[in-house]
C-alpha atoms as a PDB file:
ATOM      1  CA  MET A   1      11.884  64.900 184.800  1.00  0.00           C
ATOM      2  CA  VAL A   2      13.951  67.200 182.595  1.00  0.00           C
ATOM      3  CA  ASP A   3      15.076  65.981 179.164  1.00  0.00           C
ATOM      4  CA  THR A   4      18.848  66.363 179.116  1.00  0.00           C
ATOM      5  CA  THR A   5      19.282  64.678 175.739  1.00  0.00           C
ATOM      6  CA  PRO A   6      20.252  67.953 174.009  1.00  0.00           C
ATOM      7  CA  LEU A   7      23.109  68.410 176.476  1.00  0.00           C
ATOM      8  CA  THR A   8      24.445  64.892 176.172  1.00  0.00           C
ATOM      9  CA  ARG A   9      24.229  65.046 172.370  1.00  0.00           C
ATOM     10  CA  ALA A  10      26.058  68.385 172.224  1.00  0.00           C
ATOM     11  CA  VAL A  11      28.814  67.168 174.543  1.00  0.00           C
ATOM     12  CA  ASP A  12      29.163  63.833 172.797  1.00  0.00           C
ATOM     13  CA  HIS A  13      29.539  65.667 169.468  1.00  0.00           C
ATOM     14  CA  PHE A  14      32.180  68.017 170.901  1.00  0.00           C
ATOM     15  CA  ALA A  15      34.014  65.096 172.511  1.00  0.00           C
ATOM     16  CA  ASP A  16      34.010  63.165 169.229  1.00  0.00           C
ATOM     17  CA  ARG A  17      35.435  66.204 167.429  1.00  0.00           C
ATOM     18  CA  LEU A  18      38.174  66.525 170.059  1.00  0.00           C
ATOM     19  CA  ARG A  19      39.075  62.854 169.754  1.00  0.00           C
ATOM     20  CA  ALA A  20      39.346  63.216 165.963  1.00  0.00           C
ATOM     21  CA  ALA A  21      41.353  66.447 166.114  1.00  0.00           C
ATOM     22  CA  PRO A  22      45.053  66.382 165.355  1.00  0.00           C
ATOM     23  CA  GLN A  23      47.451  66.899 168.227  1.00  0.00           C
ATOM     24  CA  SER A  24      48.445  70.283 166.814  1.00  0.00           C
ATOM     25  CA  ARG A  25      44.844  71.519 167.080  1.00  0.00           C
ATOM     26  CA  LEU A  26      44.618  70.292 170.663  1.00  0.00           C
ATOM     27  CA  GLN A  27      47.880  72.071 171.497  1.00  0.00           C
ATOM     28  CA  ARG A  28      46.697  75.321 169.895  1.00  0.00           C
ATOM     29  CA  GLY A  29      43.925  75.654 172.422  1.00  0.00           C
ATOM     30  CA  ALA A  30      41.175  73.138 171.733  1.00  0.00           C
ATOM     31  CA  ALA A  31      42.144  70.988 174.718  1.00  0.00           C
ATOM     32  CA  ALA A  32      42.443  74.014 177.013  1.00  0.00           C
ATOM     33  CA  GLU A  33      39.014  75.210 175.910  1.00  0.00           C
ATOM     34  CA  ALA A  34      37.563  71.772 176.616  1.00  0.00           C
ATOM     35  CA  LEU A  35      39.175  71.693 180.049  1.00  0.00           C
ATOM     36  CA  GLU A  36      37.673  75.078 180.915  1.00  0.00           C
ATOM     37  CA  LEU A  37      34.254  73.802 179.827  1.00  0.00           C
ATOM     38  CA  ALA A  38      34.667  70.615 181.864  1.00  0.00           C
ATOM     39  CA  ARG A  39      35.609  72.659 184.919  1.00  0.00           C
ATOM     40  CA  GLU A  40      32.603  74.955 184.515  1.00  0.00           C
ATOM     41  CA  LEU A  41      30.187  72.052 184.074  1.00  0.00           C
ATOM     42  CA  ALA A  42      31.705  70.279 187.088  1.00  0.00           C
ATOM     43  CA  VAL A  43      31.368  73.375 189.265  1.00  0.00           C
ATOM     44  CA  ARG A  44      27.723  73.758 188.254  1.00  0.00           C
ATOM     45  CA  ALA A  45      27.011  70.134 189.118  1.00  0.00           C
ATOM     46  CA  GLN A  46      28.752  70.421 192.484  1.00  0.00           C
ATOM     47  CA  ARG A  47      26.885  73.610 193.377  1.00  0.00           C
ATOM     48  CA  ALA A  48      23.577  71.950 192.544  1.00  0.00           C
ATOM     49  CA  GLU A  49      24.385  68.863 194.595  1.00  0.00           C
ATOM     50  CA  GLN A  50      26.145  70.503 197.537  1.00  0.00           C
ATOM     51  CA  PRO A  51      25.534  74.254 197.587  1.00  0.00           C
ATOM     52  CA  GLU A  52      27.049  74.556 201.052  1.00  0.00           C
ATOM     53  CA  CYS A  53      30.448  73.223 199.936  1.00  0.00           C
ATOM     54  CA  GLU A  54      33.194  74.936 198.000  1.00  0.00           C
ATOM     55  CA  PRO A  55      33.417  73.274 194.557  1.00  0.00           C
ATOM     56  CA  ARG A  56      36.532  71.294 193.781  1.00  0.00           C
ATOM     57  CA  VAL A  57      38.481  72.121 190.629  1.00  0.00           C
ATOM     58  CA  MET A  58      38.729  69.410 187.998  1.00  0.00           C
ATOM     59  CA  PRO A  59      42.429  68.679 187.465  1.00  0.00           C
ATOM     60  CA  ASP A  60      44.178  68.984 184.141  1.00  0.00           C
ATOM     61  CA  ALA A  61      44.607  65.380 183.040  1.00  0.00           C
ATOM     62  CA  GLY A  62      46.314  66.305 179.775  1.00  0.00           C
ATOM     63  CA  MET A  63      45.154  67.239 176.328  1.00  0.00           C
ATOM     64  CA  PHE A  64      44.237  63.694 175.335  1.00  0.00           C
ATOM     65  CA  ALA A  65      41.845  63.391 178.293  1.00  0.00           C
ATOM     66  CA  ALA A  66      39.916  66.599 177.538  1.00  0.00           C
ATOM     67  CA  ALA A  67      37.170  64.813 175.600  1.00  0.00           C
ATOM     68  CA  ASP A  68      36.591  62.385 178.452  1.00  0.00           C
ATOM     69  CA  GLN A  69      36.613  65.193 181.002  1.00  0.00           C
ATOM     70  CA  ILE A  70      33.861  67.161 179.269  1.00  0.00           C
ATOM     71  CA  THR A  71      31.837  63.979 178.844  1.00  0.00           C
ATOM     72  CA  VAL A  72      32.048  63.045 182.515  1.00  0.00           C
ATOM     73  CA  ALA A  73      31.338  66.583 183.717  1.00  0.00           C
ATOM     74  CA  ALA A  74      28.347  66.995 181.404  1.00  0.00           C
ATOM     75  CA  HIS A  75      26.829  63.672 182.361  1.00  0.00           C
ATOM     76  CA  ASP A  76      27.236  64.548 186.057  1.00  0.00           C
ATOM     77  CA  LEU A  77      25.561  67.897 185.442  1.00  0.00           C
ATOM     78  CA  ALA A  78      22.745  66.283 183.457  1.00  0.00           C
ATOM     79  CA  LEU A  79      21.812  64.259 186.538  1.00  0.00           C
ATOM     80  CA  VAL A  80      21.121  67.368 188.614  1.00  0.00           C
ATOM     81  CA  LEU A  81      19.624  69.840 186.141  1.00  0.00           C
ATOM     82  CA  GLY A  82      16.176  70.926 187.229  1.00  0.00           C
ATOM     83  CA  SER A  83      14.706  72.776 184.267  1.00  0.00           C
ATOM     84  CA  ASP A  84      14.714  73.037 180.505  1.00  0.00           C
ATOM     85  CA  ALA A  85      16.240  76.504 180.856  1.00  0.00           C
ATOM     86  CA  GLU A  86      19.224  75.030 182.725  1.00  0.00           C
ATOM     87  CA  VAL A  87      19.643  72.432 179.983  1.00  0.00           C
ATOM     88  CA  ASP A  88      19.502  75.147 177.323  1.00  0.00           C
ATOM     89  CA  GLU A  89      22.098  77.188 179.200  1.00  0.00           C
ATOM     90  CA  ALA A  90      24.437  74.194 179.454  1.00  0.00           C
ATOM     91  CA  VAL A  91      23.985  73.414 175.747  1.00  0.00           C
ATOM     92  CA  ALA A  92      24.875  77.026 174.932  1.00  0.00           C
ATOM     93  CA  LEU A  93      28.046  76.730 177.031  1.00  0.00           C
ATOM     94  CA  VAL A  94      29.053  73.634 175.084  1.00  0.00           C
ATOM     95  CA  ALA A  95      28.339  75.269 171.721  1.00  0.00           C
ATOM     96  CA  GLU A  96      30.336  78.380 172.630  1.00  0.00           C
ATOM     97  CA  ALA A  97      33.293  76.317 173.850  1.00  0.00           C
ATOM     98  CA  GLN A  98      33.263  74.169 170.726  1.00  0.00           C
ATOM     99  CA  LYS A  99      33.221  77.279 168.567  1.00  0.00           C
ATOM    100  CA  ARG A 100      36.186  78.765 170.450  1.00  0.00           C
ATOM    101  CA  ALA A 101      38.020  75.433 170.221  1.00  0.00           C
ATOM    102  CA  ALA A 102      37.475  75.421 166.446  1.00  0.00           C
ATOM    103  CA  VAL A 103      36.797  71.708 166.204  1.00  0.00           C
END
């Protein structure tokens, strides 16, 4: 079994930072960056679970839901990751998105 703890920790940290961010920071792009990350993580999870199906796009549930969306998508992805390299790649995606979001 693959240890996905680094991924869940990275996402939980990013989500906590989003929840603590002022609305102005969310509006300036942090929420949009989080949504893009959530969508990418969700697509990766769907492709791993059902490679024969076209992935569904995670809807935009608003800037105040962005933290929850990345958390849900990352935890779904963590269930299907098959290697430490995949975990490392997902952690890197989270770190890059958090850096771009500036939170």
